């Protein structure tokens, strides 16, 4: 199960973070989504067979957020 972290700088509050977690959790294959609104980080654990990295990023953008992989993040490292 790959883990990846994204930098999301425009999460306004805890409610916004919860909405983003719910949007990610609805994706087939996402096992865990954790949004830290204070640090501007989103951590996602997922099964590659169910969802790809591109779909995760697209979902966050569709939810209205600017997204970048966290510096040094490598989804291929276990």
C-alpha atoms as a PDB file:
ATOM      1  CA  UNK A   1       0.000   0.000   0.000  1.00  0.00           C
ATOM      2  CA  UNK A   2       1.711   3.224  -1.132  1.00  0.00           C
ATOM      3  CA  UNK A   3       1.723   6.267   1.098  1.00  0.00           C
ATOM      4  CA  UNK A   4       2.069   9.761  -0.279  1.00  0.00           C
ATOM      5  CA  UNK A   5       2.029  13.228   1.237  1.00  0.00           C
ATOM      6  CA  UNK A   6       0.874  16.403  -0.479  1.00  0.00           C
ATOM      7  CA  UNK A   7       1.319  20.056   0.368  1.00  0.00           C
ATOM      8  CA  UNK A   8      -2.013  21.885   0.305  1.00  0.00           C
ATOM      9  CA  UNK A   9      -1.706  25.504   1.387  1.00  0.00           C
ATOM     10  CA  UNK A  10      -5.315  26.617   1.074  1.00  0.00           C
ATOM     11  CA  UNK A  11      -7.124  24.551   3.705  1.00  0.00           C
ATOM     12  CA  UNK A  12      -9.043  27.189   5.630  1.00  0.00           C
ATOM     13  CA  UNK A  13     -10.207  25.370   8.774  1.00  0.00           C
ATOM     14  CA  UNK A  14     -11.061  22.024  10.388  1.00  0.00           C
ATOM     15  CA  UNK A  15     -14.363  21.790   8.507  1.00  0.00           C
ATOM     16  CA  UNK A  16     -12.553  22.261   5.192  1.00  0.00           C
ATOM     17  CA  UNK A  17     -10.054  19.564   6.223  1.00  0.00           C
ATOM     18  CA  UNK A  18     -12.875  17.161   7.088  1.00  0.00           C
ATOM     19  CA  UNK A  19     -14.560  17.742   3.712  1.00  0.00           C
ATOM     20  CA  UNK A  20     -11.309  16.982   1.910  1.00  0.00           C
ATOM     21  CA  UNK A  21     -10.765  13.802   3.956  1.00  0.00           C
ATOM     22  CA  UNK A  22     -14.288  12.656   3.064  1.00  0.00           C
ATOM     23  CA  UNK A  23     -13.774  13.369  -0.647  1.00  0.00           C
ATOM     24  CA  UNK A  24     -10.575  11.322  -0.649  1.00  0.00           C
ATOM     25  CA  UNK A  25     -12.097   8.500   1.423  1.00  0.00           C
ATOM     26  CA  UNK A  26     -14.821   8.083  -1.243  1.00  0.00           C
ATOM     27  CA  UNK A  27     -12.197   7.100  -3.824  1.00  0.00           C
ATOM     28  CA  UNK A  28     -12.046   3.367  -4.467  1.00  0.00           C
ATOM     29  CA  UNK A  29      -8.747   2.135  -3.063  1.00  0.00           C
ATOM     30  CA  UNK A  30      -8.021   4.961  -0.603  1.00  0.00           C
ATOM     31  CA  UNK A  31      -7.449   3.334   2.773  1.00  0.00           C
ATOM     32  CA  UNK A  32      -6.664   6.420   4.834  1.00  0.00           C
ATOM     33  CA  UNK A  33      -6.644  10.163   4.260  1.00  0.00           C
ATOM     34  CA  UNK A  34      -5.392  12.498   6.957  1.00  0.00           C
ATOM     35  CA  UNK A  35      -5.449  16.277   6.544  1.00  0.00           C
ATOM     36  CA  UNK A  36      -3.347  18.478   8.818  1.00  0.00           C
ATOM     37  CA  UNK A  37      -4.755  21.951   8.173  1.00  0.00           C
ATOM     38  CA  UNK A  38      -2.214  23.685  10.415  1.00  0.00           C
ATOM     39  CA  UNK A  39       0.773  22.260   8.527  1.00  0.00           C
ATOM     40  CA  UNK A  40      -0.949  22.233   5.143  1.00  0.00           C
ATOM     41  CA  UNK A  41      -0.271  18.528   4.616  1.00  0.00           C
ATOM     42  CA  UNK A  42      -2.447  15.720   3.303  1.00  0.00           C
ATOM     43  CA  UNK A  43      -1.287  12.127   3.838  1.00  0.00           C
ATOM     44  CA  UNK A  44      -2.947   9.387   1.796  1.00  0.00           C
ATOM     45  CA  UNK A  45      -2.546   5.605   1.955  1.00  0.00           C
ATOM     46  CA  UNK A  46      -4.011   3.797  -1.030  1.00  0.00           C
ATOM     47  CA  UNK A  47      -4.066   0.607  -3.083  1.00  0.00           C
ATOM     48  CA  UNK A  48      -2.709   1.222  -6.567  1.00  0.00           C
ATOM     49  CA  UNK A  49      -5.132  -1.306  -8.043  1.00  0.00           C
ATOM     50  CA  UNK A  50      -8.080   0.805  -6.953  1.00  0.00           C
ATOM     51  CA  UNK A  51      -6.893   4.371  -7.518  1.00  0.00           C
ATOM     52  CA  UNK A  52      -3.896   6.119  -8.976  1.00  0.00           C
ATOM     53  CA  UNK A  53      -1.910   9.063  -7.753  1.00  0.00           C
ATOM     54  CA  UNK A  54      -3.289  11.226 -10.562  1.00  0.00           C
ATOM     55  CA  UNK A  55      -6.899  10.583  -9.465  1.00  0.00           C
ATOM     56  CA  UNK A  56      -6.040  11.519  -5.869  1.00  0.00           C
ATOM     57  CA  UNK A  57      -4.519  14.814  -7.035  1.00  0.00           C
ATOM     58  CA  UNK A  58      -7.479  15.486  -9.348  1.00  0.00           C
ATOM     59  CA  UNK A  59      -9.942  14.906  -6.509  1.00  0.00           C
ATOM     60  CA  UNK A  60      -8.155  17.431  -4.304  1.00  0.00           C
ATOM     61  CA  UNK A  61      -8.117  19.980  -7.145  1.00  0.00           C
ATOM     62  CA  UNK A  62     -11.810  19.374  -7.861  1.00  0.00           C
ATOM     63  CA  UNK A  63     -12.447  20.067  -4.165  1.00  0.00           C
ATOM     64  CA  UNK A  64     -10.905  23.484  -4.786  1.00  0.00           C
ATOM     65  CA  UNK A  65      -7.360  23.032  -3.480  1.00  0.00           C
ATOM     66  CA  UNK A  66      -3.927  23.780  -4.888  1.00  0.00           C
ATOM     67  CA  UNK A  67      -1.895  20.570  -4.568  1.00  0.00           C
ATOM     68  CA  UNK A  68       1.783  19.647  -4.832  1.00  0.00           C
ATOM     69  CA  UNK A  69       3.613  16.498  -3.771  1.00  0.00           C
ATOM     70  CA  UNK A  70       5.364  17.217  -0.502  1.00  0.00           C
ATOM     71  CA  UNK A  71       9.092  17.927  -0.923  1.00  0.00           C
ATOM     72  CA  UNK A  72      10.955  14.637  -0.725  1.00  0.00           C
ATOM     73  CA  UNK A  73       7.761  12.589  -0.965  1.00  0.00           C
ATOM     74  CA  UNK A  74       8.126   9.455  -3.054  1.00  0.00           C
ATOM     75  CA  UNK A  75       5.027   7.285  -3.450  1.00  0.00           C
ATOM     76  CA  UNK A  76       7.192   4.334  -4.489  1.00  0.00           C
ATOM     77  CA  UNK A  77       9.013   4.102  -1.156  1.00  0.00           C
ATOM     78  CA  UNK A  78       7.522   1.741   1.414  1.00  0.00           C
END
